[in-house]
Amino acid sequence: MTARDPWPMQYLIRIRGHLDPAWTDWFAELAIDQKDDGTTELVGPFSDQSALYGLLARVRDLGATLLIVAQLPASGEMSPGTWCTT
């Protein structure tokens, strides 16, 4: 196990509802996309698992419902078997 991978991994996190614009600073390092289906996607790089867990703690602190956490392949595209739903 290495302490830190040389390249950050890209993740997609989907939550139920749209984030209020007041919270966008809290997620400034991520691309935020509010979907027509009433969900919000947060996409961006994480240097390690602790950084990912930190973001998930912020989502929890907002009281948001977590729908998907997916590690994206290097190309940034989703492929079968790379995501899980809660």
C-alpha atoms as a PDB file:
ATOM      1  CA  MET A   1       0.000   0.000   0.000  1.00  0.00           C
ATOM      2  CA  THR A   2       1.410   3.375  -0.953  1.00  0.00           C
ATOM      3  CA  ALA A   3       0.874   6.504   1.093  1.00  0.00           C
ATOM      4  CA  ARG A   4      -0.311   8.500  -1.876  1.00  0.00           C
ATOM      5  CA  ASP A   5      -0.828   7.713  -5.532  1.00  0.00           C
ATOM      6  CA  PRO A   6       1.150   9.940  -7.908  1.00  0.00           C
ATOM      7  CA  TRP A   7      -2.019  10.905  -9.811  1.00  0.00           C
ATOM      8  CA  PRO A   8      -5.275  11.849  -8.139  1.00  0.00           C
ATOM      9  CA  MET A   9      -8.270   9.678  -8.905  1.00  0.00           C
ATOM     10  CA  GLN A  10     -11.403  11.237 -10.369  1.00  0.00           C
ATOM     11  CA  TYR A  11     -14.695  10.591  -8.578  1.00  0.00           C
ATOM     12  CA  LEU A  12     -18.317  11.320  -9.303  1.00  0.00           C
ATOM     13  CA  ILE A  13     -20.630  11.850  -6.349  1.00  0.00           C
ATOM     14  CA  ARG A  14     -24.369  12.222  -6.943  1.00  0.00           C
ATOM     15  CA  ILE A  15     -26.741  13.528  -4.295  1.00  0.00           C
ATOM     16  CA  ARG A  16     -30.506  13.979  -4.193  1.00  0.00           C
ATOM     17  CA  GLY A  17     -31.616  17.573  -4.670  1.00  0.00           C
ATOM     18  CA  HIS A  18     -29.898  20.665  -5.974  1.00  0.00           C
ATOM     19  CA  LEU A  19     -27.211  22.375  -3.922  1.00  0.00           C
ATOM     20  CA  ASP A  20     -28.035  25.896  -2.906  1.00  0.00           C
ATOM     21  CA  PRO A  21     -25.520  28.272  -4.541  1.00  0.00           C
ATOM     22  CA  ALA A  22     -24.428  29.333  -1.042  1.00  0.00           C
ATOM     23  CA  TRP A  23     -22.734  25.921  -0.636  1.00  0.00           C
ATOM     24  CA  THR A  24     -20.707  26.013  -3.862  1.00  0.00           C
ATOM     25  CA  ASP A  25     -17.693  27.517  -2.055  1.00  0.00           C
ATOM     26  CA  TRP A  26     -17.667  24.441   0.199  1.00  0.00           C
ATOM     27  CA  PHE A  27     -17.165  22.295  -2.912  1.00  0.00           C
ATOM     28  CA  ALA A  28     -15.015  24.753  -4.893  1.00  0.00           C
ATOM     29  CA  GLU A  29     -12.493  22.095  -5.963  1.00  0.00           C
ATOM     30  CA  LEU A  30     -15.216  20.135  -7.779  1.00  0.00           C
ATOM     31  CA  ALA A  31     -17.309  20.620 -10.891  1.00  0.00           C
ATOM     32  CA  ILE A  32     -20.961  20.919  -9.826  1.00  0.00           C
ATOM     33  CA  ASP A  33     -23.714  19.957 -12.259  1.00  0.00           C
ATOM     34  CA  GLN A  34     -27.369  20.275 -11.297  1.00  0.00           C
ATOM     35  CA  LYS A  35     -29.304  17.704 -13.307  1.00  0.00           C
ATOM     36  CA  ASP A  36     -32.846  17.981 -14.677  1.00  0.00           C
ATOM     37  CA  ASP A  37     -33.865  14.941 -12.612  1.00  0.00           C
ATOM     38  CA  GLY A  38     -33.402  16.926  -9.390  1.00  0.00           C
ATOM     39  CA  THR A  39     -29.971  15.552  -8.479  1.00  0.00           C
ATOM     40  CA  THR A  40     -26.567  17.216  -8.227  1.00  0.00           C
ATOM     41  CA  GLU A  41     -23.322  15.686  -9.476  1.00  0.00           C
ATOM     42  CA  LEU A  42     -19.969  16.617  -7.971  1.00  0.00           C
ATOM     43  CA  VAL A  43     -16.960  15.562 -10.050  1.00  0.00           C
ATOM     44  CA  GLY A  44     -13.302  16.090  -9.396  1.00  0.00           C
ATOM     45  CA  PRO A  45      -9.927  14.749  -8.341  1.00  0.00           C
ATOM     46  CA  PHE A  46      -9.106  13.331  -4.922  1.00  0.00           C
ATOM     47  CA  SER A  47      -5.490  12.837  -3.886  1.00  0.00           C
ATOM     48  CA  ASP A  48      -6.325   9.876  -1.646  1.00  0.00           C
ATOM     49  CA  GLN A  49      -9.159   8.149   0.203  1.00  0.00           C
ATOM     50  CA  SER A  50      -8.995  10.507   3.160  1.00  0.00           C
ATOM     51  CA  ALA A  51      -9.747  13.431   0.815  1.00  0.00           C
ATOM     52  CA  LEU A  52     -12.740  11.510  -0.561  1.00  0.00           C
ATOM     53  CA  TYR A  53     -13.956  10.699   2.963  1.00  0.00           C
ATOM     54  CA  GLY A  54     -13.611  14.366   3.871  1.00  0.00           C
ATOM     55  CA  LEU A  55     -15.905  15.344   1.017  1.00  0.00           C
ATOM     56  CA  LEU A  56     -18.386  12.619   1.962  1.00  0.00           C
ATOM     57  CA  ALA A  57     -18.393  14.021   5.518  1.00  0.00           C
ATOM     58  CA  ARG A  58     -19.280  17.461   4.103  1.00  0.00           C
ATOM     59  CA  VAL A  59     -22.151  15.899   2.131  1.00  0.00           C
ATOM     60  CA  ARG A  60     -23.311  14.174   5.330  1.00  0.00           C
ATOM     61  CA  ASP A  61     -23.054  17.428   7.298  1.00  0.00           C
ATOM     62  CA  LEU A  62     -25.368  19.068   4.770  1.00  0.00           C
ATOM     63  CA  GLY A  63     -27.927  16.333   5.391  1.00  0.00           C
ATOM     64  CA  ALA A  64     -27.865  15.446   1.686  1.00  0.00           C
ATOM     65  CA  THR A  65     -28.915  12.004   0.499  1.00  0.00           C
ATOM     66  CA  LEU A  66     -25.968  10.254  -1.155  1.00  0.00           C
ATOM     67  CA  LEU A  67     -27.022   8.383  -4.297  1.00  0.00           C
ATOM     68  CA  ILE A  68     -23.798   7.406  -6.079  1.00  0.00           C
ATOM     69  CA  VAL A  69     -20.079   7.371  -5.409  1.00  0.00           C
ATOM     70  CA  ALA A  70     -18.141   6.338  -8.496  1.00  0.00           C
ATOM     71  CA  GLN A  71     -14.435   6.210  -9.263  1.00  0.00           C
ATOM     72  CA  LEU A  72     -14.046   7.380 -12.837  1.00  0.00           C
ATOM     73  CA  PRO A  73     -11.559   5.805 -15.211  1.00  0.00           C
ATOM     74  CA  ALA A  74      -8.597   7.921 -16.262  1.00  0.00           C
ATOM     75  CA  SER A  75     -10.515   9.101 -19.341  1.00  0.00           C
ATOM     76  CA  GLY A  76     -13.235  10.570 -17.093  1.00  0.00           C
ATOM     77  CA  GLU A  77     -15.961   8.436 -18.650  1.00  0.00           C
ATOM     78  CA  MET A  78     -18.197   6.078 -16.731  1.00  0.00           C
ATOM     79  CA  SER A  79     -18.001   2.405 -17.537  1.00  0.00           C
ATOM     80  CA  PRO A  80     -19.954  -0.565 -16.166  1.00  0.00           C
ATOM     81  CA  GLY A  81     -18.701  -1.798 -12.828  1.00  0.00           C
ATOM     82  CA  THR A  82     -16.999   1.480 -11.799  1.00  0.00           C
ATOM     83  CA  TRP A  83     -19.809   2.842  -9.656  1.00  0.00           C
ATOM     84  CA  CYS A  84     -21.911   1.841  -6.717  1.00  0.00           C
ATOM     85  CA  THR A  85     -25.215   3.179  -5.427  1.00  0.00           C
ATOM     86  CA  THR A  86     -26.275   3.579  -1.853  1.00  0.00           C
END
